[in-house]
């Protein structure tokens, strides 16, 4: 578990989130559960916000990345 992730999509099924993450290779990613029937495709987990922010701009240039990608900051970490 990390305090920072780049969020590239949310889905009603885990399988769809995993399929979308597969298109984001070679970036490290995981599926986060955000509630009942809500799964989030998250990339580039990190402990340092500056590093994740730098990765965010690299990911944004990729064809798979939607224009509404954002950085999750988990303040409970």
N, C-alpha and C. Protein backbone atom coordinates (compact mmCIF):
# COMPACT_ATOMS: atom_id res chain seq x y z
N UNK A 1 0.83 -1.19 0.00
CA UNK A 1 0.00 0.00 0.00
C UNK A 1 0.88 1.25 0.00
N UNK A 2 0.51 2.17 -0.86
CA UNK A 2 1.26 3.40 -1.05
C UNK A 2 0.33 4.61 -0.87
N UNK A 3 0.89 5.75 -0.53
CA UNK A 3 0.04 6.93 -0.36
C UNK A 3 -0.30 7.64 -1.68
N UNK A 4 0.41 7.33 -2.78
CA UNK A 4 0.19 8.03 -4.04
C UNK A 4 0.06 7.04 -5.21
N UNK A 5 -0.90 7.32 -6.08
CA UNK A 5 -1.13 6.53 -7.29
C UNK A 5 -1.59 7.46 -8.40
N UNK A 6 -1.35 7.07 -9.63
CA UNK A 6 -1.93 7.76 -10.78
C UNK A 6 -3.17 6.97 -11.18
N UNK A 7 -4.32 7.62 -11.14
CA UNK A 7 -5.58 6.96 -11.46
C UNK A 7 -5.90 7.20 -12.93
N UNK A 8 -6.09 6.10 -13.67
CA UNK A 8 -6.35 6.22 -15.10
C UNK A 8 -7.72 5.71 -15.50
N UNK A 9 -8.50 5.21 -14.56
CA UNK A 9 -9.84 4.78 -14.91
C UNK A 9 -10.54 4.11 -13.75
N UNK A 10 -11.87 4.13 -13.81
CA UNK A 10 -12.67 3.41 -12.82
C UNK A 10 -13.69 2.55 -13.56
N UNK A 11 -13.97 1.40 -12.98
CA UNK A 11 -14.77 0.38 -13.66
C UNK A 11 -15.71 -0.30 -12.68
N UNK A 12 -16.79 -0.85 -13.22
CA UNK A 12 -17.75 -1.55 -12.36
C UNK A 12 -17.37 -3.01 -12.15
N UNK A 13 -16.40 -3.51 -12.93
CA UNK A 13 -15.93 -4.88 -12.72
C UNK A 13 -14.40 -4.88 -12.62
N UNK A 14 -13.90 -5.77 -11.79
CA UNK A 14 -12.45 -5.91 -11.62
C UNK A 14 -11.79 -6.35 -12.93
N UNK A 15 -12.45 -7.23 -13.67
CA UNK A 15 -11.89 -7.73 -14.93
C UNK A 15 -11.64 -6.59 -15.92
N UNK A 16 -12.56 -5.65 -16.01
CA UNK A 16 -12.37 -4.51 -16.92
C UNK A 16 -11.21 -3.63 -16.47
N UNK A 17 -11.08 -3.42 -15.18
CA UNK A 17 -9.96 -2.63 -14.66
C UNK A 17 -8.63 -3.32 -14.95
N UNK A 18 -8.59 -4.63 -14.76
CA UNK A 18 -7.37 -5.39 -15.04
C UNK A 18 -7.03 -5.36 -16.53
N UNK A 19 -8.03 -5.45 -17.37
CA UNK A 19 -7.82 -5.41 -18.82
C UNK A 19 -7.25 -4.05 -19.23
N UNK A 20 -7.78 -2.99 -18.65
CA UNK A 20 -7.29 -1.65 -18.97
C UNK A 20 -5.85 -1.48 -18.48
N UNK A 21 -5.54 -2.00 -17.31
CA UNK A 21 -4.17 -1.93 -16.80
C UNK A 21 -3.19 -2.66 -17.71
N UNK A 22 -3.63 -3.75 -18.30
CA UNK A 22 -2.75 -4.50 -19.20
C UNK A 22 -2.32 -3.64 -20.39
N UNK A 23 -3.17 -2.70 -20.80
CA UNK A 23 -2.81 -1.82 -21.91
C UNK A 23 -1.80 -0.75 -21.48
N UNK A 24 -1.59 -0.61 -20.18
CA UNK A 24 -0.69 0.41 -19.65
C UNK A 24 0.72 -0.10 -19.43
N UNK A 25 1.01 -1.30 -19.89
CA UNK A 25 2.35 -1.86 -19.74
C UNK A 25 3.34 -0.96 -20.45
N UNK A 26 4.49 -0.69 -19.95
CA UNK A 26 5.24 -1.34 -18.89
C UNK A 26 5.13 -0.65 -17.53
N UNK A 27 4.19 0.24 -17.35
CA UNK A 27 4.06 0.93 -16.07
C UNK A 27 3.52 -0.02 -15.00
N UNK A 28 4.07 0.05 -13.80
CA UNK A 28 3.55 -0.80 -12.72
C UNK A 28 2.16 -0.33 -12.31
N UNK A 29 1.26 -1.29 -12.14
CA UNK A 29 -0.10 -0.91 -11.80
C UNK A 29 -0.78 -1.93 -10.93
N UNK A 30 -1.91 -1.52 -10.40
CA UNK A 30 -2.72 -2.39 -9.56
C UNK A 30 -4.17 -1.94 -9.66
N UNK A 31 -5.07 -2.81 -9.23
CA UNK A 31 -6.48 -2.45 -9.15
C UNK A 31 -6.80 -2.19 -7.68
N UNK A 32 -7.35 -1.02 -7.42
CA UNK A 32 -7.78 -0.66 -6.08
C UNK A 32 -9.30 -0.79 -5.99
N UNK A 33 -9.79 -1.24 -4.86
CA UNK A 33 -11.22 -1.30 -4.63
C UNK A 33 -11.64 0.02 -3.99
N UNK A 34 -12.58 0.71 -4.65
CA UNK A 34 -12.98 2.03 -4.17
C UNK A 34 -14.39 2.03 -3.59
N UNK A 35 -14.93 0.88 -3.40
CA UNK A 35 -16.28 0.77 -2.88
C UNK A 35 -16.96 -0.44 -3.49
N UNK A 36 -18.19 -0.59 -3.16
CA UNK A 36 -18.94 -1.73 -3.69
C UNK A 36 -19.11 -1.58 -5.20
N UNK A 37 -18.61 -2.54 -5.94
CA UNK A 37 -18.69 -2.55 -7.40
C UNK A 37 -17.99 -1.37 -8.06
N UNK A 38 -16.90 -0.90 -7.48
CA UNK A 38 -16.11 0.15 -8.10
C UNK A 38 -14.63 -0.21 -7.96
N UNK A 39 -14.00 -0.36 -9.10
CA UNK A 39 -12.59 -0.77 -9.15
C UNK A 39 -11.82 0.30 -9.93
N UNK A 40 -10.67 0.68 -9.40
CA UNK A 40 -9.89 1.77 -9.96
C UNK A 40 -8.57 1.24 -10.51
N UNK A 41 -8.27 1.61 -11.75
CA UNK A 41 -6.99 1.25 -12.36
C UNK A 41 -5.97 2.30 -11.94
N UNK A 42 -4.96 1.87 -11.19
CA UNK A 42 -3.97 2.78 -10.62
C UNK A 42 -2.56 2.39 -11.08
N UNK A 43 -1.79 3.39 -11.48
CA UNK A 43 -0.43 3.18 -11.96
C UNK A 43 0.59 3.84 -11.05
N UNK A 44 1.82 3.41 -11.20
CA UNK A 44 3.00 4.04 -10.60
C UNK A 44 2.84 4.37 -9.11
N UNK A 45 2.53 3.38 -8.29
CA UNK A 45 2.41 3.66 -6.86
C UNK A 45 3.73 4.19 -6.32
N UNK A 46 3.63 5.06 -5.33
CA UNK A 46 4.87 5.60 -4.78
C UNK A 46 4.71 6.18 -3.39
N UNK A 47 5.84 6.36 -2.76
CA UNK A 47 5.90 6.95 -1.43
C UNK A 47 6.22 8.44 -1.48
N UNK A 48 6.73 8.91 -2.63
CA UNK A 48 7.17 10.29 -2.78
C UNK A 48 6.31 10.98 -3.84
N UNK A 49 5.60 12.02 -3.44
CA UNK A 49 4.69 12.72 -4.34
C UNK A 49 5.42 13.31 -5.54
N UNK A 50 6.61 13.83 -5.35
CA UNK A 50 7.37 14.42 -6.45
C UNK A 50 7.67 13.38 -7.53
N UNK A 51 8.02 12.17 -7.13
CA UNK A 51 8.31 11.10 -8.09
C UNK A 51 7.04 10.68 -8.83
N UNK A 52 5.95 10.57 -8.12
CA UNK A 52 4.68 10.18 -8.76
C UNK A 52 4.23 11.28 -9.71
N UNK A 53 4.42 12.53 -9.34
CA UNK A 53 4.06 13.65 -10.19
C UNK A 53 4.87 13.62 -11.49
N UNK A 54 6.15 13.30 -11.38
CA UNK A 54 7.00 13.17 -12.56
C UNK A 54 6.51 12.03 -13.45
N UNK A 55 6.15 10.90 -12.84
CA UNK A 55 5.62 9.77 -13.59
C UNK A 55 4.29 10.13 -14.25
N UNK A 56 3.49 10.94 -13.57
CA UNK A 56 2.20 11.38 -14.11
C UNK A 56 2.36 12.02 -15.48
N UNK A 57 3.35 12.91 -15.60
CA UNK A 57 3.54 13.60 -16.87
C UNK A 57 4.05 12.66 -17.96
N UNK A 58 4.78 11.63 -17.60
CA UNK A 58 5.20 10.62 -18.58
C UNK A 58 3.99 9.80 -19.02
N UNK A 59 3.18 9.39 -18.08
CA UNK A 59 1.99 8.58 -18.38
C UNK A 59 1.02 9.38 -19.25
N UNK A 60 0.85 10.67 -18.97
CA UNK A 60 -0.09 11.50 -19.72
C UNK A 60 0.23 11.54 -21.21
N UNK A 61 1.49 11.32 -21.58
CA UNK A 61 1.90 11.34 -22.99
C UNK A 61 1.57 10.04 -23.72
N UNK A 62 1.19 9.00 -22.99
CA UNK A 62 0.91 7.70 -23.58
C UNK A 62 -0.48 7.68 -24.22
N UNK A 63 -0.62 6.91 -25.27
CA UNK A 63 -1.90 6.83 -25.99
C UNK A 63 -3.03 6.26 -25.14
N UNK A 64 -2.72 5.35 -24.24
CA UNK A 64 -3.75 4.71 -23.43
C UNK A 64 -4.31 5.64 -22.35
N UNK A 65 -3.59 6.71 -22.03
CA UNK A 65 -3.94 7.55 -20.89
C UNK A 65 -5.08 8.50 -21.22
N UNK A 66 -6.15 8.45 -20.44
CA UNK A 66 -7.26 9.38 -20.67
C UNK A 66 -6.88 10.80 -20.21
N UNK A 67 -7.55 11.78 -20.76
CA UNK A 67 -7.24 13.17 -20.42
C UNK A 67 -7.61 13.53 -18.98
N UNK A 68 -8.44 12.71 -18.35
CA UNK A 68 -8.86 13.02 -16.99
C UNK A 68 -8.12 12.18 -15.93
N UNK A 69 -6.93 11.69 -16.26
CA UNK A 69 -6.12 10.97 -15.27
C UNK A 69 -5.76 11.93 -14.14
N UNK A 70 -5.58 11.37 -12.95
CA UNK A 70 -5.30 12.22 -11.80
C UNK A 70 -4.47 11.46 -10.78
N UNK A 71 -3.94 12.18 -9.80
CA UNK A 71 -3.11 11.57 -8.76
C UNK A 71 -3.95 11.42 -7.49
N UNK A 72 -4.01 10.20 -7.00
CA UNK A 72 -4.68 9.91 -5.74
C UNK A 72 -3.70 10.16 -4.60
N UNK A 73 -4.11 10.93 -3.63
CA UNK A 73 -3.32 11.17 -2.43
C UNK A 73 -4.09 10.58 -1.27
N UNK A 74 -3.58 9.48 -0.74
CA UNK A 74 -4.24 8.79 0.37
C UNK A 74 -3.74 9.40 1.68
N UNK A 75 -4.51 10.29 2.24
CA UNK A 75 -4.09 11.00 3.45
C UNK A 75 -4.14 10.13 4.70
N UNK A 76 -4.63 8.90 4.56
CA UNK A 76 -4.71 8.00 5.72
C UNK A 76 -3.47 7.15 5.87
N UNK A 77 -2.51 7.27 4.96
CA UNK A 77 -1.27 6.49 5.04
C UNK A 77 -0.38 7.01 6.12
